[in-house]
Amino acid sequence: MIEEILPPQAATAVVYGKGPDPAHTLLPEETQFVAKAVPGRQEEFGTVRACARRALAGLGVPPVPILRSPRGAPQWPAGLVGSMTHCDGYRAAAVARRADVSSLGIDAEPNGPLPDGVLDVISLPGERTWIRKLEARRPEISWGRLLFSAKESVFKTWYPLTGQELDFTEAELEVCPSTGTFSARLLIPLAAPHSGLRTFTGRWTANSRLVVTAIARPGTE
């Protein structure tokens, strides 16, 4: 699904369902990050990195370990940007050259209701208004879950550009159901050199099982 909502400059790779044994997907340098994790977490970690290496191969980049920062952000080879996501039954990665795409953010979530109380934590009053309207018109899509996914994509795009955290309520989103797009406006003070990062636009898609969102900011910022 993710390849449908990213520009052609981005290379992607996807695994549906559970991935292979992490012994076959993790490189030695990566094992330290999940050595004490439960098997399910090891599988997710390894499979999504195998996806990342397949995507990098699409750009002609040989296999490399995808390490992580202290915050958990993936560390990409020089001159490249990327993003990874995993949820039940879906693992995906997307990469691009920085000259074409300055930052990428992708996210996938199950197309089902959010746990009780989560929507109030992640949303603003205006967002809850359009969610209620869209739920009445198109109940086959979990719009609250889509909001969550889109904000995750915003944060995954924002952090590599700034190195700064962003709370769920520090970005206000609007979703267009007819075009499969969304826009986000940041509600925090922005000073140079980040003053041009006030707005983000992205795309989304959904089926009976998943909602998927993506942002690809063009050019080098």
C-alpha atoms as a PDB file:
ATOM      1  CA  MET A   1       0.000   0.000   0.000  1.00  0.00           C
ATOM      2  CA  ILE A   2       2.765   2.438   0.867  1.00  0.00           C
ATOM      3  CA  GLU A   3       4.114   2.549  -2.686  1.00  0.00           C
ATOM      4  CA  GLU A   4       0.771   3.964  -3.858  1.00  0.00           C
ATOM      5  CA  ILE A   5       1.123   7.162  -1.819  1.00  0.00           C
ATOM      6  CA  LEU A   6       4.817   8.006  -2.221  1.00  0.00           C
ATOM      7  CA  PRO A   7       6.537   9.770  -5.138  1.00  0.00           C
ATOM      8  CA  PRO A   8       8.454   7.695  -7.694  1.00  0.00           C
ATOM      9  CA  GLN A   9      11.778   8.862  -6.260  1.00  0.00           C
ATOM     10  CA  ALA A  10      11.107   6.772  -3.148  1.00  0.00           C
ATOM     11  CA  ALA A  11      11.931   3.063  -3.143  1.00  0.00           C
ATOM     12  CA  THR A  12       9.784   0.837  -0.940  1.00  0.00           C
ATOM     13  CA  ALA A  13       9.588  -2.716   0.346  1.00  0.00           C
ATOM     14  CA  VAL A  14       6.760  -4.440   2.214  1.00  0.00           C
ATOM     15  CA  VAL A  15       6.111  -7.703   4.037  1.00  0.00           C
ATOM     16  CA  TYR A  16       2.535  -8.760   4.765  1.00  0.00           C
ATOM     17  CA  GLY A  17       2.001 -11.012   7.722  1.00  0.00           C
ATOM     18  CA  LYS A  18       4.693 -12.218  10.064  1.00  0.00           C
ATOM     19  CA  GLY A  19       8.258 -12.036   8.809  1.00  0.00           C
ATOM     20  CA  PRO A  20      11.015 -14.655   8.934  1.00  0.00           C
ATOM     21  CA  ASP A  21      13.099 -15.637  11.927  1.00  0.00           C
ATOM     22  CA  PRO A  22      15.189 -12.626  13.040  1.00  0.00           C
ATOM     23  CA  ALA A  23      18.273 -14.808  12.781  1.00  0.00           C
ATOM     24  CA  HIS A  24      17.811 -14.480   9.016  1.00  0.00           C
ATOM     25  CA  THR A  25      17.038 -10.745   8.923  1.00  0.00           C
ATOM     26  CA  LEU A  26      19.229  -9.041  11.527  1.00  0.00           C
ATOM     27  CA  LEU A  27      22.818  -8.071  10.816  1.00  0.00           C
ATOM     28  CA  PRO A  28      25.290  -8.578  13.700  1.00  0.00           C
ATOM     29  CA  GLU A  29      25.460  -4.835  14.447  1.00  0.00           C
ATOM     30  CA  GLU A  30      21.677  -4.706  14.887  1.00  0.00           C
ATOM     31  CA  THR A  31      21.230  -7.549  17.355  1.00  0.00           C
ATOM     32  CA  GLN A  32      22.279  -5.416  20.336  1.00  0.00           C
ATOM     33  CA  PHE A  33      19.108  -3.362  20.078  1.00  0.00           C
ATOM     34  CA  VAL A  34      16.739  -6.285  20.599  1.00  0.00           C
ATOM     35  CA  ALA A  35      18.906  -8.820  22.416  1.00  0.00           C
ATOM     36  CA  LYS A  36      16.614  -8.737  25.463  1.00  0.00           C
ATOM     37  CA  ALA A  37      13.350  -8.201  23.575  1.00  0.00           C
ATOM     38  CA  VAL A  38      10.562 -10.754  23.275  1.00  0.00           C
ATOM     39  CA  PRO A  39      10.531 -12.844  20.055  1.00  0.00           C
ATOM     40  CA  GLY A  40       7.688 -10.831  18.508  1.00  0.00           C
ATOM     41  CA  ARG A  41       9.590  -7.580  18.907  1.00  0.00           C
ATOM     42  CA  GLN A  42      12.732  -9.166  17.485  1.00  0.00           C
ATOM     43  CA  GLU A  43      10.764 -10.324  14.442  1.00  0.00           C
ATOM     44  CA  GLU A  44       9.301  -6.849  13.838  1.00  0.00           C
ATOM     45  CA  PHE A  45      12.694  -5.193  14.256  1.00  0.00           C
ATOM     46  CA  GLY A  46      14.442  -7.615  11.936  1.00  0.00           C
ATOM     47  CA  THR A  47      11.756  -7.783   9.263  1.00  0.00           C
ATOM     48  CA  VAL A  48      11.390  -4.041   8.913  1.00  0.00           C
ATOM     49  CA  ARG A  49      15.162  -3.713   8.555  1.00  0.00           C
ATOM     50  CA  ALA A  50      15.154  -6.401   5.910  1.00  0.00           C
ATOM     51  CA  CYS A  51      12.515  -4.288   4.145  1.00  0.00           C
ATOM     52  CA  ALA A  52      14.794  -1.257   4.468  1.00  0.00           C
ATOM     53  CA  ARG A  53      17.684  -3.123   2.842  1.00  0.00           C
ATOM     54  CA  ARG A  54      15.446  -4.268  -0.011  1.00  0.00           C
ATOM     55  CA  ALA A  55      14.329  -0.675  -0.511  1.00  0.00           C
ATOM     56  CA  LEU A  56      17.931   0.557  -0.437  1.00  0.00           C
ATOM     57  CA  ALA A  57      18.804  -2.050  -3.048  1.00  0.00           C
ATOM     58  CA  GLY A  58      16.208  -0.380  -5.260  1.00  0.00           C
ATOM     59  CA  LEU A  59      18.438   2.720  -5.150  1.00  0.00           C
ATOM     60  CA  GLY A  60      21.553   0.676  -5.848  1.00  0.00           C
ATOM     61  CA  VAL A  61      22.774   0.781  -2.232  1.00  0.00           C
ATOM     62  CA  PRO A  62      24.443  -2.397  -0.891  1.00  0.00           C
ATOM     63  CA  PRO A  63      23.216  -3.980   2.373  1.00  0.00           C
ATOM     64  CA  VAL A  64      24.125  -2.007   5.493  1.00  0.00           C
ATOM     65  CA  PRO A  65      23.053  -2.223   9.137  1.00  0.00           C
ATOM     66  CA  ILE A  66      20.232   0.138  10.063  1.00  0.00           C
ATOM     67  CA  LEU A  67      21.213   1.284  13.537  1.00  0.00           C
ATOM     68  CA  ARG A  68      19.141   3.519  15.794  1.00  0.00           C
ATOM     69  CA  SER A  69      19.684   6.734  17.699  1.00  0.00           C
ATOM     70  CA  PRO A  70      19.155   6.957  21.471  1.00  0.00           C
ATOM     71  CA  ARG A  71      15.615   8.141  20.686  1.00  0.00           C
ATOM     72  CA  GLY A  72      15.062   5.113  18.450  1.00  0.00           C
ATOM     73  CA  ALA A  73      15.180   6.867  15.076  1.00  0.00           C
ATOM     74  CA  PRO A  74      16.731   4.779  12.270  1.00  0.00           C
ATOM     75  CA  GLN A  75      20.162   5.888  11.075  1.00  0.00           C
ATOM     76  CA  TRP A  76      20.410   5.960   7.280  1.00  0.00           C
ATOM     77  CA  PRO A  77      23.518   5.983   5.078  1.00  0.00           C
ATOM     78  CA  ALA A  78      24.886   9.400   4.127  1.00  0.00           C
ATOM     79  CA  GLY A  79      22.890  11.160   1.447  1.00  0.00           C
ATOM     80  CA  LEU A  80      19.770   9.062   2.038  1.00  0.00           C
ATOM     81  CA  VAL A  81      16.547   9.491   4.001  1.00  0.00           C
ATOM     82  CA  GLY A  82      14.009   6.897   5.020  1.00  0.00           C
ATOM     83  CA  SER A  83      11.283   5.713   7.317  1.00  0.00           C
ATOM     84  CA  MET A  84       9.991   2.387   8.606  1.00  0.00           C
ATOM     85  CA  THR A  85       6.726   1.183  10.092  1.00  0.00           C
ATOM     86  CA  HIS A  86       5.203  -2.008  11.415  1.00  0.00           C
ATOM     87  CA  CYS A  87       1.867  -3.085  12.809  1.00  0.00           C
ATOM     88  CA  ASP A  88       0.026  -6.378  13.070  1.00  0.00           C
ATOM     89  CA  GLY A  89       0.382  -8.091   9.693  1.00  0.00           C
ATOM     90  CA  TYR A  90       2.325  -5.335   7.937  1.00  0.00           C
ATOM     91  CA  ARG A  91       5.965  -4.209   7.842  1.00  0.00           C
ATOM     92  CA  ALA A  92       7.250  -1.567   5.416  1.00  0.00           C
ATOM     93  CA  ALA A  93      10.176   0.722   4.673  1.00  0.00           C
ATOM     94  CA  ALA A  94      10.704   3.609   2.279  1.00  0.00           C
ATOM     95  CA  VAL A  95      13.958   5.327   1.288  1.00  0.00           C
ATOM     96  CA  ALA A  96      15.034   8.080  -1.092  1.00  0.00           C
ATOM     97  CA  ARG A  97      18.038  10.184  -1.984  1.00  0.00           C
ATOM     98  CA  ARG A  98      18.219  13.416   0.012  1.00  0.00           C
ATOM     99  CA  ALA A  99      18.629  15.407  -3.200  1.00  0.00           C
ATOM    100  CA  ASP A 100      15.135  14.249  -4.217  1.00  0.00           C
ATOM    101  CA  VAL A 101      13.378  14.000  -0.852  1.00  0.00           C
ATOM    102  CA  SER A 102      14.554  15.935   2.208  1.00  0.00           C
ATOM    103  CA  SER A 103      12.690  13.794   4.727  1.00  0.00           C
ATOM    104  CA  LEU A 104      10.279  10.847   4.738  1.00  0.00           C
ATOM    105  CA  GLY A 105       7.668   9.691   7.194  1.00  0.00           C
ATOM    106  CA  ILE A 106       5.469   6.612   6.820  1.00  0.00           C
ATOM    107  CA  ASP A 107       3.100   4.887   9.207  1.00  0.00           C
ATOM    108  CA  ALA A 108       0.669   1.969   9.097  1.00  0.00           C
ATOM    109  CA  GLU A 109      -2.034   1.168  11.637  1.00  0.00           C
ATOM    110  CA  PRO A 110      -4.861  -1.363  11.874  1.00  0.00           C
ATOM    111  CA  ASN A 111      -8.112   0.002  10.458  1.00  0.00           C
ATOM    112  CA  GLY A 112     -10.007  -0.273  13.713  1.00  0.00           C
ATOM    113  CA  PRO A 113     -11.074   1.875  16.664  1.00  0.00           C
ATOM    114  CA  LEU A 114      -8.454   3.416  18.904  1.00  0.00           C
ATOM    115  CA  PRO A 115      -8.326   2.138  22.487  1.00  0.00           C
ATOM    116  CA  ASP A 116     -10.647   3.953  24.877  1.00  0.00           C
ATOM    117  CA  GLY A 117      -9.364   7.377  25.859  1.00  0.00           C
ATOM    118  CA  VAL A 118      -6.592   7.591  23.250  1.00  0.00           C
ATOM    119  CA  LEU A 119      -8.409   9.939  20.877  1.00  0.00           C
ATOM    120  CA  ASP A 120      -8.768  12.592  23.588  1.00  0.00           C
ATOM    121  CA  VAL A 121      -5.018  12.420  24.200  1.00  0.00           C
ATOM    122  CA  ILE A 122      -3.853  12.667  20.577  1.00  0.00           C
ATOM    123  CA  SER A 123      -6.421  15.049  19.079  1.00  0.00           C
ATOM    124  CA  LEU A 124      -7.525  18.664  19.257  1.00  0.00           C
ATOM    125  CA  PRO A 125     -11.192  19.760  19.464  1.00  0.00           C
ATOM    126  CA  GLY A 126     -11.342  20.719  15.783  1.00  0.00           C
ATOM    127  CA  GLU A 127      -9.958  17.344  14.768  1.00  0.00           C
ATOM    128  CA  ARG A 128     -12.549  15.515  16.831  1.00  0.00           C
ATOM    129  CA  THR A 129     -15.236  17.517  15.009  1.00  0.00           C
ATOM    130  CA  TRP A 130     -14.217  16.382  11.521  1.00  0.00           C
ATOM    131  CA  ILE A 131     -13.626  12.837  12.763  1.00  0.00           C
ATOM    132  CA  ARG A 132     -17.262  12.626  13.961  1.00  0.00           C
ATOM    133  CA  LYS A 133     -18.527  13.948  10.629  1.00  0.00           C
ATOM    134  CA  LEU A 134     -16.448  11.526   8.580  1.00  0.00           C
ATOM    135  CA  GLU A 135     -17.366   8.575  10.799  1.00  0.00           C
ATOM    136  CA  ALA A 136     -21.018   9.244   9.979  1.00  0.00           C
ATOM    137  CA  ARG A 137     -20.343   9.499   6.241  1.00  0.00           C
ATOM    138  CA  ARG A 138     -17.741   6.768   5.782  1.00  0.00           C
ATOM    139  CA  PRO A 139     -17.803   4.364   8.723  1.00  0.00           C
ATOM    140  CA  GLU A 140     -15.644   1.787   6.907  1.00  0.00           C
ATOM    141  CA  ILE A 141     -12.568   3.871   7.825  1.00  0.00           C
ATOM    142  CA  SER A 142     -11.395   4.461  11.387  1.00  0.00           C
ATOM    143  CA  TRP A 143     -10.755   8.185  11.121  1.00  0.00           C
ATOM    144  CA  GLY A 144      -9.357   8.418  14.628  1.00  0.00           C
ATOM    145  CA  ARG A 145      -6.802   5.766  13.734  1.00  0.00           C
ATOM    146  CA  LEU A 146      -6.043   7.612  10.505  1.00  0.00           C
ATOM    147  CA  LEU A 147      -5.420  10.788  12.500  1.00  0.00           C
ATOM    148  CA  PHE A 148      -3.023   8.888  14.758  1.00  0.00           C
ATOM    149  CA  SER A 149      -1.165   7.466  11.746  1.00  0.00           C
ATOM    150  CA  ALA A 150      -0.932  10.826   9.978  1.00  0.00           C
ATOM    151  CA  LYS A 151       0.494  12.488  13.088  1.00  0.00           C
ATOM    152  CA  GLU A 152       3.041   9.688  13.380  1.00  0.00           C
ATOM    153  CA  SER A 153       4.079  10.402   9.780  1.00  0.00           C
ATOM    154  CA  VAL A 154       4.394  14.107  10.598  1.00  0.00           C
ATOM    155  CA  PHE A 155       6.612  13.372  13.593  1.00  0.00           C
ATOM    156  CA  LYS A 156       8.771  10.904  11.644  1.00  0.00           C
ATOM    157  CA  THR A 157       9.301  13.576   8.965  1.00  0.00           C
ATOM    158  CA  TRP A 158       9.887  16.411  11.427  1.00  0.00           C
ATOM    159  CA  TYR A 159      12.401  14.765  13.758  1.00  0.00           C
ATOM    160  CA  PRO A 160      15.187  14.034  11.224  1.00  0.00           C
ATOM    161  CA  LEU A 161      15.025  17.650  10.040  1.00  0.00           C
ATOM    162  CA  THR A 162      15.171  19.211  13.495  1.00  0.00           C
ATOM    163  CA  GLY A 163      16.230  16.667  16.110  1.00  0.00           C
ATOM    164  CA  GLN A 164      13.333  17.956  18.228  1.00  0.00           C
ATOM    165  CA  GLU A 165      10.431  16.086  19.793  1.00  0.00           C
ATOM    166  CA  LEU A 166       6.846  16.924  18.844  1.00  0.00           C
ATOM    167  CA  ASP A 167       3.747  16.183  20.889  1.00  0.00           C
ATOM    168  CA  PHE A 168       0.510  14.916  19.339  1.00  0.00           C
ATOM    169  CA  THR A 169      -1.302  18.144  20.225  1.00  0.00           C
ATOM    170  CA  GLU A 170       1.405  20.337  18.694  1.00  0.00           C
ATOM    171  CA  ALA A 171       0.220  19.588  15.154  1.00  0.00           C
ATOM    172  CA  GLU A 172      -3.314  20.185  13.863  1.00  0.00           C
ATOM    173  CA  LEU A 173      -4.489  18.045  10.945  1.00  0.00           C
ATOM    174  CA  GLU A 174      -7.114  18.259   8.245  1.00  0.00           C
ATOM    175  CA  VAL A 175      -7.955  15.213   6.131  1.00  0.00           C
ATOM    176  CA  CYS A 176      -9.512  15.307   2.666  1.00  0.00           C
ATOM    177  CA  PRO A 177     -11.492  12.083   2.121  1.00  0.00           C
ATOM    178  CA  SER A 178     -12.045  12.681  -1.602  1.00  0.00           C
ATOM    179  CA  THR A 179      -8.396  13.186  -2.607  1.00  0.00           C
ATOM    180  CA  GLY A 180      -6.666  10.890  -0.120  1.00  0.00           C
ATOM    181  CA  THR A 181      -4.537  13.737   1.217  1.00  0.00           C
ATOM    182  CA  PHE A 182      -3.976  15.433   4.546  1.00  0.00           C
ATOM    183  CA  SER A 183      -2.279  18.580   5.790  1.00  0.00           C
ATOM    184  CA  ALA A 184      -0.725  19.411   9.123  1.00  0.00           C
ATOM    185  CA  ARG A 185      -0.010  22.772  10.712  1.00  0.00           C
ATOM    186  CA  LEU A 186       2.457  22.958  13.579  1.00  0.00           C
ATOM    187  CA  LEU A 187       1.306  24.958  16.594  1.00  0.00           C
ATOM    188  CA  ILE A 188       4.698  25.563  18.183  1.00  0.00           C
ATOM    189  CA  PRO A 189       7.042  28.565  17.856  1.00  0.00           C
ATOM    190  CA  LEU A 190       9.516  28.029  15.025  1.00  0.00           C
ATOM    191  CA  ALA A 191      12.777  29.926  14.731  1.00  0.00           C
ATOM    192  CA  ALA A 192      15.464  29.785  12.050  1.00  0.00           C
ATOM    193  CA  PRO A 193      16.564  27.449  10.592  1.00  0.00           C
ATOM    194  CA  HIS A 194      13.237  25.611  11.055  1.00  0.00           C
ATOM    195  CA  SER A 195      10.833  28.471  10.322  1.00  0.00           C
ATOM    196  CA  GLY A 196       9.938  26.950   6.952  1.00  0.00           C
ATOM    197  CA  LEU A 197       8.613  23.763   8.551  1.00  0.00           C
ATOM    198  CA  ARG A 198       5.252  25.129   9.639  1.00  0.00           C
ATOM    199  CA  THR A 199       3.161  22.942   7.328  1.00  0.00           C
ATOM    200  CA  PHE A 200       3.346  19.356   6.099  1.00  0.00           C
ATOM    201  CA  THR A 201       1.257  17.663   3.431  1.00  0.00           C
ATOM    202  CA  GLY A 202       0.853  13.959   2.892  1.00  0.00           C
ATOM    203  CA  ARG A 203      -1.261  11.195   1.423  1.00  0.00           C
ATOM    204  CA  TRP A 204      -3.210   8.311   2.890  1.00  0.00           C
ATOM    205  CA  THR A 205      -4.901   5.113   1.801  1.00  0.00           C
ATOM    206  CA  ALA A 206      -6.982   2.474   3.554  1.00  0.00           C
ATOM    207  CA  ASN A 207      -8.460  -0.950   3.073  1.00  0.00           C
ATOM    208  CA  SER A 208     -10.489  -3.208   5.326  1.00  0.00           C
ATOM    209  CA  ARG A 209      -7.422  -4.076   7.442  1.00  0.00           C
ATOM    210  CA  LEU A 210      -5.062  -1.105   7.370  1.00  0.00           C
ATOM    211  CA  VAL A 211      -4.733   2.658   7.209  1.00  0.00           C
ATOM    212  CA  VAL A 212      -1.421   3.901   5.808  1.00  0.00           C
ATOM    213  CA  THR A 213      -0.044   7.447   5.664  1.00  0.00           C
ATOM    214  CA  ALA A 214       3.063   9.018   4.159  1.00  0.00           C
ATOM    215  CA  ILE A 215       4.840  12.362   3.824  1.00  0.00           C
ATOM    216  CA  ALA A 216       7.707  13.077   1.427  1.00  0.00           C
ATOM    217  CA  ARG A 217       9.136  16.592   1.582  1.00  0.00           C
ATOM    218  CA  PRO A 218      10.844  17.445  -1.717  1.00  0.00           C
ATOM    219  CA  GLY A 219      14.428  18.551  -2.158  1.00  0.00           C
ATOM    220  CA  THR A 220      17.262  19.144   0.299  1.00  0.00           C
ATOM    221  CA  GLU A 221      16.301  21.347   3.262  1.00  0.00           C
END
